[in-house]
Amino acid sequence: MDLKSGYPFWAIKNGLMHAFPQLQQDARCDVAVIGGGISGALIASELAEHGHEVVVVEQRDIGWGSSAASTALLQYEIDTHMIDLARRYGEDNAVLAYRACAEAIPLLQELAASVRNVDFRHMHSLYYASRRRHVPVLQAELAMRHKHGFEVSWLATEALREAYGIDAPGAILSQLAARIDPYRTAYRLFARLQKSGTGVFDRSAVMRIDATSRGVTLHTANGVRLRAAHAVFAAGYASQQWLDQRVAYNRSSYAFITDPLDPARLHGLADTMAWESARPYLYLRTTGDGRLLVGGEDDAIDIPARRDARVDRKARKLVKKVAKAIPDLVLTPAFAWAGTFAETDDGLPFFGPHPQYGSRVQFAMAYGGNGISYSAAGAPLIRALIERRKHPLAQLFSFGRLDRND
């Protein structure tokens, strides 16, 4: 599956940071992790650090799938409002999902500090109303988050314009958010795992799975067999190809990044990511070298050639959207790209076994706009499932909720 188009900034900035070998002979391990992106890195690290013998296999070069195209907004805020999740699953579960993502951000900070030099920085998150009719919904969302202890406040039109230059009828300002370089983080985590003895192999595509109640055998394209007690599919949006059941819908999202900007032009956006209430939403965040990353213009195109042809046009549309929302900010793209992502019906991820393969095969589908936060929250859940321990997120993030929604 071709997951990106154009020139993703992270891959251009960092290049191929480390050489990993191809899996060329049969191997055994406790847990096989399929996927060499940021999700696979977080899960493999969680498992290896707690005593599991892990082998990682990736069909491309490490980090060269969706992680290279990710815009890496680290948020506790889910694409589905807390008030909407509460109506669907109950208020306790809605708060549980949001709190899991909130707790993931300091975990990611600790991990970033341990591998170093991955452009992690704490930020604020500004969620602004695209239209006046969205204000009551956002204020109801603010009230529920405030009720449950999330540090949020309301900015009215004048305060929003003065602090951020954004022309909108109001916004929720959250104190907890962050940014990171996802491609560099994945590479540095995998390099550390390799150095500590974990097998990390790229250009090793899995073509077949044989799963029984006693273990899993993975067959690669070059005829190698990887036998494991458990397997975890953390291959991002490509993981859906292994399921007969449709659990999410692939979409394309578009982004561009500027050359470094004078901080005075950015006002409060220098340390605050911004996104809007319209769907699909426009979003913006800075990088460590002073660039502004802008994304949005999502569509249902999942054909690489058609997505490729839209990148420049979508970048121009994003420039116009920014100019409309922030009249004083005129931007010029330096690099533009697109990437495949997936949406679930309720905005929540899937972590755990699927009935198609049984309990020995776990899926880590961190789908949605805050996928890295989901992966950080889901890694301990995957480990708990493998170790046959209870975990508070097990039911809410399971495939079983699809049956409960029928």
Protein backbone atom coordinates (compact mmCIF):
# COMPACT_ATOMS: atom_id res chain seq x y z
CA MET A 1 0.00 0.00 0.00
CA ASP A 2 1.37 3.41 -1.05
CA LEU A 3 0.72 5.58 2.01
CA LYS A 4 2.08 8.98 1.02
CA SER A 5 2.58 11.44 -1.82
CA GLY A 6 4.82 14.44 -2.42
CA TYR A 7 7.76 15.30 -0.18
CA PRO A 8 7.09 14.66 3.53
CA PHE A 9 9.23 17.06 5.51
CA TRP A 10 10.44 14.60 8.14
CA ALA A 11 11.98 12.23 5.62
CA ILE A 12 13.66 15.08 3.74
CA LYS A 13 14.98 16.64 6.94
CA ASN A 14 16.28 13.42 8.50
CA GLY A 15 17.01 11.11 5.55
CA LEU A 16 17.60 7.41 6.14
CA MET A 17 19.03 7.69 9.63
CA HIS A 18 20.07 4.10 10.29
CA ALA A 19 20.50 0.91 8.28
CA PHE A 20 18.46 -2.10 9.38
CA PRO A 21 18.91 -5.58 7.87
CA GLN A 22 16.39 -7.73 6.03
CA LEU A 23 15.12 -10.85 7.79
CA GLN A 24 16.89 -13.59 5.82
CA GLN A 25 16.61 -16.67 8.01
CA ASP A 26 13.95 -18.34 10.14
CA ALA A 27 13.62 -16.94 13.64
CA ARG A 28 11.69 -17.36 16.89
CA CYS A 29 10.60 -14.86 19.51
CA ASP A 30 8.06 -14.18 22.20
CA VAL A 31 6.33 -11.33 20.33
CA ALA A 32 6.57 -10.44 16.64
CA VAL A 33 5.67 -6.81 15.93
CA ILE A 34 4.64 -6.13 12.34
CA GLY A 35 5.19 -2.46 11.55
CA GLY A 36 8.23 -0.21 11.56
CA GLY A 37 6.58 3.15 12.20
CA ILE A 38 6.03 5.14 15.36
CA SER A 39 3.25 2.81 16.60
CA GLY A 40 5.41 -0.28 16.16
CA ALA A 41 8.31 1.48 17.86
CA LEU A 42 6.24 2.43 20.91
CA ILE A 43 4.77 -1.07 21.26
CA ALA A 44 8.07 -2.90 20.69
CA SER A 45 9.75 -0.64 23.27
CA GLU A 46 7.03 -1.25 25.84
CA LEU A 47 7.29 -5.01 25.40
CA ALA A 48 11.09 -5.22 25.29
CA GLU A 49 11.51 -3.02 28.35
CA HIS A 50 9.31 -5.42 30.31
CA GLY A 51 11.21 -8.57 29.46
CA HIS A 52 9.62 -9.80 26.26
CA GLU A 53 11.84 -11.07 23.44
CA VAL A 54 10.66 -9.03 20.46
CA VAL A 55 11.33 -9.16 16.73
CA VAL A 56 10.14 -6.29 14.51
CA VAL A 57 9.49 -6.66 10.78
CA GLU A 58 8.61 -3.85 8.36
CA GLN A 59 7.82 -4.20 4.66
CA ARG A 60 9.48 -0.89 3.67
CA ASP A 61 12.42 0.96 5.14
CA ILE A 62 11.88 1.79 8.81
CA GLY A 63 9.67 4.84 9.27
CA TRP A 64 8.86 5.14 5.59
CA GLY A 65 5.12 4.50 5.79
CA SER A 66 2.60 6.83 7.40
CA SER A 67 5.07 7.98 10.07
CA ALA A 68 7.00 9.90 7.41
CA ALA A 69 3.81 11.77 6.47
CA SER A 70 2.36 12.27 9.96
CA THR A 71 1.95 15.83 11.17
CA ALA A 72 2.37 14.57 14.75
CA LEU A 73 0.00 16.69 16.79
CA LEU A 74 0.15 15.20 20.28
CA GLN A 75 -3.23 15.84 21.84
CA TYR A 76 -5.55 14.34 24.40
CA GLU A 77 -8.41 15.78 22.35
CA ILE A 78 -10.14 13.20 20.17
CA ASP A 79 -11.75 13.95 16.82
CA THR A 80 -15.06 12.96 18.45
CA HIS A 81 -16.16 15.37 21.18
CA MET A 82 -16.28 14.12 24.74
CA ILE A 83 -19.96 15.04 24.90
CA ASP A 84 -20.66 12.85 21.83
CA LEU A 85 -18.70 9.90 23.22
CA ALA A 86 -20.64 10.29 26.47
CA ARG A 87 -23.94 10.01 24.62
CA ARG A 88 -22.71 6.89 22.84
CA TYR A 89 -20.77 5.01 25.51
CA GLY A 90 -21.56 6.79 28.76
CA GLU A 91 -19.76 9.65 30.46
CA ASP A 92 -17.32 7.41 32.34
CA ASN A 93 -16.06 5.83 29.13
CA ALA A 94 -15.81 9.18 27.37
CA VAL A 95 -13.66 10.53 30.19
CA LEU A 96 -11.62 7.31 30.23
CA ALA A 97 -10.72 7.75 26.54
CA TYR A 98 -9.78 11.41 26.92
CA ARG A 99 -7.81 10.80 30.10
CA ALA A 100 -5.87 7.94 28.49
CA CYS A 101 -4.71 10.32 25.76
CA ALA A 102 -3.90 13.02 28.33
CA GLU A 103 -1.75 10.59 30.30
CA ALA A 104 0.01 9.54 27.08
CA ILE A 105 1.60 12.97 26.56
CA PRO A 106 3.87 12.91 29.66
CA LEU A 107 4.74 9.31 28.76
CA LEU A 108 5.83 10.51 25.32
CA GLN A 109 7.79 13.34 26.93
CA GLU A 110 9.67 10.86 29.10
CA LEU A 111 10.37 8.64 26.08
CA ALA A 112 11.54 11.60 24.00
CA ALA A 113 13.91 12.66 26.76
CA SER A 114 15.40 9.17 26.87
CA VAL A 115 16.17 9.01 23.12
CA ARG A 116 16.86 12.77 22.84
CA ASN A 117 16.81 15.20 19.94
CA VAL A 118 13.35 14.42 18.53
CA ASP A 119 11.87 17.96 18.64
CA PHE A 120 9.51 17.23 21.53
CA ARG A 121 8.00 20.34 23.08
CA HIS A 122 4.98 21.01 25.25
CA MET A 123 2.38 23.21 23.57
CA HIS A 124 -1.13 24.48 24.13
CA SER A 125 -4.04 23.44 21.93
CA LEU A 126 -6.56 25.92 20.57
CA TYR A 127 -9.82 24.48 19.24
CA TYR A 128 -11.72 27.31 17.59
CA ALA A 129 -15.29 27.53 16.31
CA SER A 130 -15.34 27.70 12.51
CA ARG A 131 -18.88 29.11 12.56
CA ARG A 132 -20.99 30.93 15.11
CA ARG A 133 -23.45 28.04 15.31
CA HIS A 134 -20.62 25.81 16.60
CA VAL A 135 -20.13 27.96 19.72
CA PRO A 136 -22.83 26.28 21.90
CA VAL A 137 -21.39 22.84 21.11
CA LEU A 138 -17.87 23.92 22.00
CA GLN A 139 -19.08 25.55 25.21
CA ALA A 140 -20.89 22.33 26.19
CA GLU A 141 -17.67 20.45 25.43
CA LEU A 142 -15.72 22.93 27.56
CA ALA A 143 -18.11 22.41 30.47
CA MET A 144 -17.76 18.62 30.41
CA ARG A 145 -13.98 18.74 30.19
CA HIS A 146 -13.83 21.30 33.02
CA LYS A 147 -16.13 19.12 35.12
CA HIS A 148 -13.65 16.25 34.88
CA GLY A 149 -10.55 18.23 35.71
CA PHE A 150 -9.10 19.05 32.29
CA GLU A 151 -7.32 22.40 32.29
CA VAL A 152 -9.34 24.37 29.74
CA SER A 153 -10.60 27.92 29.31
CA TRP A 154 -12.77 29.86 26.87
CA LEU A 155 -11.47 32.61 24.59
CA ALA A 156 -14.04 34.99 23.12
CA THR A 157 -13.65 36.71 19.76
CA GLU A 158 -11.55 39.68 20.82
CA ALA A 159 -9.20 37.69 23.05
CA LEU A 160 -8.76 35.11 20.30
CA ARG A 161 -7.92 37.76 17.72
CA GLU A 162 -5.53 39.59 20.04
CA ALA A 163 -3.62 36.51 21.20
CA TYR A 164 -3.53 34.48 17.98
CA GLY A 165 -4.71 36.69 15.13
CA ILE A 166 -7.52 34.19 14.48
CA ASP A 167 -10.83 35.60 13.31
CA ALA A 168 -13.37 33.23 14.90
CA PRO A 169 -16.34 33.47 17.29
CA GLY A 170 -14.66 31.62 20.16
CA ALA A 171 -12.32 28.80 21.13
CA ILE A 172 -11.39 26.24 23.78
CA LEU A 173 -7.81 26.69 24.98
CA SER A 174 -6.29 23.52 26.43
CA GLN A 175 -3.05 23.61 28.38
CA LEU A 176 -1.97 20.07 27.51
CA ALA A 177 -0.56 19.26 24.06
CA ALA A 178 2.84 18.70 22.48
CA ARG A 179 4.71 18.21 19.23
CA ILE A 180 7.31 15.68 18.11
CA ASP A 181 9.22 14.55 15.03
CA PRO A 182 7.55 11.14 14.48
CA TYR A 183 9.98 9.82 11.88
CA ARG A 184 13.08 10.66 13.94
CA THR A 185 11.46 9.25 17.09
CA ALA A 186 10.69 5.94 15.40
CA TYR A 187 14.23 5.64 14.06
CA ARG A 188 15.88 6.44 17.37
CA LEU A 189 13.64 4.02 19.28
CA PHE A 190 14.34 1.21 16.83
CA ALA A 191 18.09 1.92 16.86
CA ARG A 192 18.05 1.71 20.66
CA LEU A 193 16.09 -1.54 20.53
CA GLN A 194 18.54 -3.01 18.03
CA LYS A 195 21.49 -1.97 20.19
CA SER A 196 19.95 -3.73 23.20
CA GLY A 197 19.49 -6.98 21.25
CA THR A 198 16.02 -6.72 19.74
CA GLY A 199 15.81 -7.89 16.14
CA VAL A 200 14.64 -5.04 13.87
CA PHE A 201 14.27 -5.91 10.20
CA ASP A 202 12.99 -3.83 7.31
CA ARG A 203 12.25 -4.75 3.68
CA SER A 204 10.69 -7.93 5.13
CA ALA A 205 7.05 -8.08 4.03
CA VAL A 206 4.71 -10.53 5.77
CA MET A 207 2.59 -12.38 3.22
CA ARG A 208 0.76 -15.00 5.32
CA ILE A 209 -0.27 -15.60 8.92
CA ASP A 210 -0.82 -19.02 10.48
CA ALA A 211 -2.35 -18.55 13.93
CA THR A 212 -3.29 -21.31 16.37
CA SER A 213 -4.12 -21.42 20.06
CA ARG A 214 -0.44 -22.09 20.78
CA GLY A 215 1.34 -19.54 18.62
CA VAL A 216 1.74 -17.67 15.35
CA THR A 217 3.89 -18.25 12.27
CA LEU A 218 4.53 -15.35 9.90
CA HIS A 219 5.68 -16.09 6.35
CA THR A 220 7.64 -13.37 4.56
CA ALA A 221 7.85 -12.63 0.86
CA ASN A 222 11.29 -14.24 0.58
CA GLY A 223 10.20 -17.51 2.22
CA VAL A 224 11.42 -16.88 5.77
CA ARG A 225 9.32 -18.06 8.70
CA LEU A 226 9.07 -16.06 11.93
CA ARG A 227 7.55 -18.10 14.77
CA ALA A 228 6.23 -16.28 17.82
CA ALA A 229 4.06 -16.89 20.83
CA HIS A 230 2.19 -13.69 19.94
CA ALA A 231 2.01 -11.29 17.02
CA VAL A 232 1.08 -7.59 17.07
CA PHE A 233 0.01 -5.89 13.85
CA ALA A 234 1.06 -2.25 14.23
CA ALA A 235 1.32 -1.51 10.52
CA GLY A 236 -0.89 1.55 10.63
CA TYR A 237 -3.54 1.81 7.96
CA ALA A 238 -2.11 -1.18 6.08
CA SER A 239 -3.21 -3.43 8.98
CA GLN A 240 -6.77 -3.41 7.64
CA GLN A 241 -5.74 -5.67 4.76
CA TRP A 242 -5.42 -8.54 7.24
CA LEU A 243 -9.06 -8.32 8.36
CA ASP A 244 -12.09 -9.52 6.45
CA GLN A 245 -14.23 -7.11 8.48
CA ARG A 246 -14.22 -3.43 7.56
CA VAL A 247 -13.35 -1.58 10.76
CA ALA A 248 -12.30 1.85 9.40
CA TYR A 249 -12.30 3.93 6.24
CA ASN A 250 -9.12 5.11 4.59
CA ARG A 251 -8.88 8.77 3.68
CA SER A 252 -6.19 11.14 2.48
CA SER A 253 -4.99 14.20 4.34
CA TYR A 254 -2.83 16.97 2.87
CA ALA A 255 -0.15 19.14 4.45
CA PHE A 256 2.52 21.68 3.73
CA ILE A 257 5.33 23.25 5.71
CA THR A 258 6.87 26.70 5.36
CA ASP A 259 10.45 27.87 5.51
CA PRO A 260 11.43 29.17 8.99
CA LEU A 261 9.35 32.23 9.91
CA ASP A 262 10.00 35.25 12.07
CA PRO A 263 8.41 34.34 15.45
CA ALA A 264 6.76 37.78 15.56
CA ARG A 265 4.57 36.74 12.61
CA LEU A 266 3.19 33.75 14.50
CA HIS A 267 2.04 35.52 17.69
CA GLY A 268 0.65 32.92 20.09
CA LEU A 269 0.86 30.16 17.49
CA ALA A 270 4.58 29.79 18.23
CA ASP A 271 3.70 27.61 21.23
CA THR A 272 0.07 26.73 20.48
CA MET A 273 -1.31 24.30 17.91
CA ALA A 274 -4.64 25.34 16.44
CA TRP A 275 -7.47 23.39 14.85
CA GLU A 276 -11.06 24.16 13.94
CA SER A 277 -14.52 22.72 14.54
CA ALA A 278 -15.42 22.28 10.85
CA ARG A 279 -14.98 18.82 9.37
CA PRO A 280 -12.61 18.15 7.75
CA TYR A 281 -10.63 20.55 9.89
CA LEU A 282 -7.73 22.88 9.24
CA TYR A 283 -4.85 22.58 11.72
CA LEU A 284 -1.53 24.33 12.32
CA ARG A 285 1.52 23.81 14.51
CA THR A 286 5.13 24.94 14.60
CA THR A 287 8.37 22.95 14.46
CA GLY A 288 11.55 23.35 16.46
CA ASP A 289 13.26 25.29 13.67
CA GLY A 290 10.46 27.87 13.43
CA ARG A 291 8.49 26.50 10.50
CA LEU A 292 4.70 26.38 10.40
CA LEU A 293 3.10 23.07 9.47
CA VAL A 294 -0.44 23.28 8.07
CA GLY A 295 -2.74 20.36 7.32
CA GLY A 296 -6.28 19.43 6.38
CA GLU A 297 -8.37 19.29 3.20
CA ASP A 298 -9.06 15.60 3.89
CA ASP A 299 -10.91 13.63 1.23
CA ALA A 300 -12.00 10.08 0.49
CA ILE A 301 -9.37 9.53 -2.22
CA ASP A 302 -7.47 6.32 -1.57
CA ILE A 303 -5.92 5.84 -5.02
CA PRO A 304 -2.25 6.91 -4.92
CA ALA A 305 -2.10 8.38 -8.44
CA ARG A 306 -5.18 10.54 -7.85
CA ARG A 307 -3.90 11.61 -4.43
CA ASP A 308 -0.50 12.48 -5.95
CA ALA A 309 -2.15 14.74 -8.51
CA ARG A 310 -3.98 16.72 -5.82
CA VAL A 311 -1.08 17.64 -3.54
CA ASP A 312 -0.20 21.04 -5.03
CA ARG A 313 -3.82 22.09 -5.49
CA LYS A 314 -4.67 21.09 -1.93
CA ALA A 315 -1.67 23.05 -0.62
CA ARG A 316 -2.96 26.17 -2.38
CA LYS A 317 -6.39 25.64 -0.79
CA LEU A 318 -4.80 25.30 2.63
CA VAL A 319 -2.93 28.59 2.11
CA LYS A 320 -6.25 30.30 1.34
CA LYS A 321 -7.93 28.76 4.39
CA VAL A 322 -5.18 30.01 6.66
CA ALA A 323 -5.43 33.50 5.14
CA LYS A 324 -9.19 33.52 5.78
CA ALA A 325 -8.88 32.37 9.39
CA ILE A 326 -5.74 34.41 10.18
CA PRO A 327 -5.83 37.47 7.88
CA ASP A 328 -2.37 38.72 8.86
CA LEU A 329 -0.66 35.41 8.08
CA VAL A 330 0.24 34.87 4.41
CA LEU A 331 2.16 31.64 3.89
CA THR A 332 4.25 30.06 1.14
CA PRO A 333 4.67 26.26 1.12
CA ALA A 334 8.24 24.96 1.04
CA PHE A 335 7.24 21.27 0.91
CA ALA A 336 3.80 19.73 0.42
CA TRP A 337 2.65 16.15 0.79
CA ALA A 338 -0.30 13.87 1.43
CA GLY A 339 -0.73 10.71 3.47
CA THR A 340 -3.25 7.97 4.00
CA PHE A 341 -5.01 7.82 7.33
CA ALA A 342 -8.08 6.03 8.58
CA GLU A 343 -11.18 7.02 10.49
CA THR A 344 -13.32 4.84 12.69
CA ASP A 345 -17.01 5.49 13.07
CA ASP A 346 -16.64 6.73 16.65
CA GLY A 347 -13.15 8.25 16.53
CA LEU A 348 -11.71 5.61 18.88
CA PRO A 349 -8.86 3.21 18.07
CA PHE A 350 -8.80 -0.58 18.10
CA PHE A 351 -6.33 -2.43 20.31
CA GLY A 352 -6.59 -6.14 20.93
CA PRO A 353 -7.37 -9.48 19.31
CA HIS A 354 -9.88 -9.92 16.51
CA PRO A 355 -12.06 -13.06 16.37
CA GLN A 356 -10.70 -13.83 12.90
CA TYR A 357 -7.30 -14.84 14.33
CA GLY A 358 -7.86 -15.60 18.02
CA SER A 359 -6.10 -14.43 21.14
CA ARG A 360 -2.52 -14.85 19.90
CA VAL A 361 -2.77 -12.05 17.32
CA GLN A 362 -3.20 -8.48 18.54
CA PHE A 363 -4.01 -5.46 16.41
CA ALA A 364 -2.88 -1.93 17.23
CA MET A 365 -4.96 0.39 15.07
CA ALA A 366 -4.30 3.88 16.40
CA TYR A 367 -6.65 5.55 13.96
CA GLY A 368 -7.70 9.20 14.06
CA GLY A 369 -6.18 12.63 14.32
CA ASN A 370 -4.24 11.87 17.52
CA GLY A 371 -2.83 8.50 16.50
CA ILE A 372 0.52 8.88 18.30
CA SER A 373 -1.24 9.60 21.60
CA TYR A 374 -3.41 6.54 20.99
CA SER A 375 -0.31 4.42 20.32
CA ALA A 376 1.35 5.59 23.54
CA ALA A 377 -1.83 4.79 25.48
CA GLY A 378 -2.32 1.49 23.64
CA ALA A 379 1.18 0.06 24.11
CA PRO A 380 0.62 -0.83 27.82
CA LEU A 381 -2.80 -2.22 26.87
CA ILE A 382 -1.24 -4.56 24.28
CA ARG A 383 1.31 -5.71 26.85
CA ALA A 384 -1.44 -6.36 29.42
CA LEU A 385 -3.39 -8.46 26.90
CA ILE A 386 -0.32 -10.52 26.03
CA GLU A 387 0.42 -11.01 29.73
CA ARG A 388 -3.25 -11.91 30.35
CA ARG A 389 -3.81 -9.04 32.74
CA LYS A 390 -6.83 -6.77 33.00
CA HIS A 391 -6.60 -3.23 31.65
CA PRO A 392 -9.18 -0.42 32.00
CA LEU A 393 -9.15 0.34 28.25
CA ALA A 394 -9.53 -3.27 27.09
CA GLN A 395 -13.27 -3.16 26.45
CA LEU A 396 -13.58 0.40 25.17
CA PHE A 397 -10.78 -0.01 22.60
CA SER A 398 -11.72 -3.56 21.58
CA PHE A 399 -13.30 -4.82 18.37
CA GLY A 400 -16.20 -5.98 20.54
CA ARG A 401 -17.69 -2.49 20.55
CA LEU A 402 -18.54 -2.97 16.84
CA ASP A 403 -20.95 -5.74 17.85
CA ARG A 404 -22.41 -3.60 20.63
CA ASN A 405 -23.10 -0.82 18.10
CA ASP A 406 -25.03 -3.07 15.70
